[in-house]
C-alpha atoms as a PDB file:
ATOM      1  CA  UNK A   1    -147.750  94.513 -13.670  1.00  0.00           C
ATOM      2  CA  UNK A   2    -145.483  91.589 -14.486  1.00  0.00           C
ATOM      3  CA  UNK A   3    -144.695  88.742 -12.136  1.00  0.00           C
ATOM      4  CA  UNK A   4    -141.803  86.363 -12.148  1.00  0.00           C
ATOM      5  CA  UNK A   5    -142.089  82.656 -12.792  1.00  0.00           C
ATOM      6  CA  UNK A   6    -139.268  80.323 -11.963  1.00  0.00           C
ATOM      7  CA  UNK A   7    -138.978  77.216 -14.114  1.00  0.00           C
ATOM      8  CA  UNK A   8    -136.418  74.469 -14.222  1.00  0.00           C
ATOM      9  CA  UNK A   9    -135.071  73.274 -17.550  1.00  0.00           C
ATOM     10  CA  UNK A  10    -132.038  71.349 -18.700  1.00  0.00           C
ATOM     11  CA  UNK A  11    -128.972  73.589 -19.069  1.00  0.00           C
ATOM     12  CA  UNK A  12    -128.475  72.514 -22.708  1.00  0.00           C
ATOM     13  CA  UNK A  13    -132.039  73.496 -23.554  1.00  0.00           C
ATOM     14  CA  UNK A  14    -131.623  76.823 -21.773  1.00  0.00           C
ATOM     15  CA  UNK A  15    -128.514  77.540 -23.815  1.00  0.00           C
ATOM     16  CA  UNK A  16    -130.252  76.617 -27.073  1.00  0.00           C
ATOM     17  CA  UNK A  17    -133.255  78.819 -26.274  1.00  0.00           C
ATOM     18  CA  UNK A  18    -130.940  81.710 -25.419  1.00  0.00           C
ATOM     19  CA  UNK A  19    -129.063  81.322 -28.728  1.00  0.00           C
ATOM     20  CA  UNK A  20    -132.239  81.153 -30.793  1.00  0.00           C
ATOM     21  CA  UNK A  21    -133.735  84.139 -28.970  1.00  0.00           C
ATOM     22  CA  UNK A  22    -130.581  86.169 -29.496  1.00  0.00           C
ATOM     23  CA  UNK A  23    -130.521  85.258 -33.200  1.00  0.00           C
ATOM     24  CA  UNK A  24    -134.082  86.586 -33.459  1.00  0.00           C
ATOM     25  CA  UNK A  25    -133.182  89.753 -31.570  1.00  0.00           C
ATOM     26  CA  UNK A  26    -135.328  88.770 -28.587  1.00  0.00           C
ATOM     27  CA  UNK A  27    -134.691  88.025 -24.962  1.00  0.00           C
ATOM     28  CA  UNK A  28    -135.202  84.556 -23.553  1.00  0.00           C
ATOM     29  CA  UNK A  29    -138.058  85.972 -21.485  1.00  0.00           C
ATOM     30  CA  UNK A  30    -139.796  87.301 -24.611  1.00  0.00           C
ATOM     31  CA  UNK A  31    -139.556  83.885 -26.265  1.00  0.00           C
ATOM     32  CA  UNK A  32    -140.877  82.071 -23.192  1.00  0.00           C
ATOM     33  CA  UNK A  33    -143.733  84.583 -22.757  1.00  0.00           C
ATOM     34  CA  UNK A  34    -144.734  84.121 -26.396  1.00  0.00           C
ATOM     35  CA  UNK A  35    -144.701  80.343 -26.063  1.00  0.00           C
ATOM     36  CA  UNK A  36    -146.798  80.439 -22.895  1.00  0.00           C
ATOM     37  CA  UNK A  37    -149.297  82.857 -24.475  1.00  0.00           C
ATOM     38  CA  UNK A  38    -149.655  80.576 -27.511  1.00  0.00           C
ATOM     39  CA  UNK A  39    -150.025  77.523 -25.267  1.00  0.00           C
ATOM     40  CA  UNK A  40    -152.832  79.120 -23.264  1.00  0.00           C
ATOM     41  CA  UNK A  41    -154.547  80.564 -26.351  1.00  0.00           C
ATOM     42  CA  UNK A  42    -154.517  77.189 -28.101  1.00  0.00           C
ATOM     43  CA  UNK A  43    -156.073  75.470 -25.100  1.00  0.00           C
ATOM     44  CA  UNK A  44    -158.564  78.125 -23.951  1.00  0.00           C
ATOM     45  CA  UNK A  45    -161.846  76.395 -24.825  1.00  0.00           C
ATOM     46  CA  UNK A  46    -163.937  79.394 -23.730  1.00  0.00           C
ATOM     47  CA  UNK A  47    -162.179  81.723 -26.152  1.00  0.00           C
ATOM     48  CA  UNK A  48    -162.439  79.070 -28.869  1.00  0.00           C
ATOM     49  CA  UNK A  49    -166.208  78.756 -28.369  1.00  0.00           C
ATOM     50  CA  UNK A  50    -166.646  82.540 -28.329  1.00  0.00           C
ATOM     51  CA  UNK A  51    -164.705  82.756 -31.584  1.00  0.00           C
ATOM     52  CA  UNK A  52    -166.796  79.967 -33.053  1.00  0.00           C
ATOM     53  CA  UNK A  53    -170.034  81.794 -32.212  1.00  0.00           C
ATOM     54  CA  UNK A  54    -168.607  84.975 -33.745  1.00  0.00           C
ATOM     55  CA  UNK A  55    -167.730  83.133 -36.961  1.00  0.00           C
ATOM     56  CA  UNK A  56    -171.167  81.516 -37.115  1.00  0.00           C
ATOM     57  CA  UNK A  57    -172.843  84.878 -36.583  1.00  0.00           C
ATOM     58  CA  UNK A  58    -170.712  86.524 -39.256  1.00  0.00           C
ATOM     59  CA  UNK A  59    -171.473  83.710 -41.714  1.00  0.00           C
ATOM     60  CA  UNK A  60    -175.209  84.029 -41.089  1.00  0.00           C
ATOM     61  CA  UNK A  61    -175.067  87.810 -41.552  1.00  0.00           C
ATOM     62  CA  UNK A  62    -173.046  87.419 -44.750  1.00  0.00           C
ATOM     63  CA  UNK A  63    -175.804  85.151 -46.083  1.00  0.00           C
ATOM     64  CA  UNK A  64    -178.428  87.758 -45.177  1.00  0.00           C
ATOM     65  CA  UNK A  65    -180.058  85.655 -42.457  1.00  0.00           C
ATOM     66  CA  UNK A  66    -181.660  87.285 -39.428  1.00  0.00           C
ATOM     67  CA  UNK A  67    -182.549  86.187 -35.904  1.00  0.00           C
ATOM     68  CA  UNK A  68    -186.047  85.441 -37.150  1.00  0.00           C
ATOM     69  CA  UNK A  69    -184.645  83.099 -39.793  1.00  0.00           C
ATOM     70  CA  UNK A  70    -182.600  81.251 -37.177  1.00  0.00           C
ATOM     71  CA  UNK A  71    -185.554  81.018 -34.795  1.00  0.00           C
ATOM     72  CA  UNK A  72    -187.733  79.661 -37.618  1.00  0.00           C
ATOM     73  CA  UNK A  73    -185.130  77.029 -38.521  1.00  0.00           C
ATOM     74  CA  UNK A  74    -184.887  75.945 -34.873  1.00  0.00           C
ATOM     75  CA  UNK A  75    -188.683  75.603 -34.611  1.00  0.00           C
ATOM     76  CA  UNK A  76    -188.783  73.511 -37.783  1.00  0.00           C
ATOM     77  CA  UNK A  77    -186.065  71.181 -36.561  1.00  0.00           C
ATOM     78  CA  UNK A  78    -187.759  70.784 -33.171  1.00  0.00           C
ATOM     79  CA  UNK A  79    -191.063  69.900 -34.875  1.00  0.00           C
ATOM     80  CA  UNK A  80    -189.315  67.028 -36.652  1.00  0.00           C
ATOM     81  CA  UNK A  81    -187.917  65.609 -33.422  1.00  0.00           C
END
């Protein structure tokens, strides 16, 4: 379910956003929602870290490495410390 959010912006900016949205065949609300979603996504550190772990895991799998290989590498590094 959607909720409303009331924001205050300069009337000139509001007019410009409305014109750009209309030119793109979108509503002002669609444009604002997209911008807010991008803002949150770009700053969501938890999602970024999860994505990072996924990429690391995929890279290790692509190289044919297993959990045992990773555990062995960790043990070797800890021995050196």
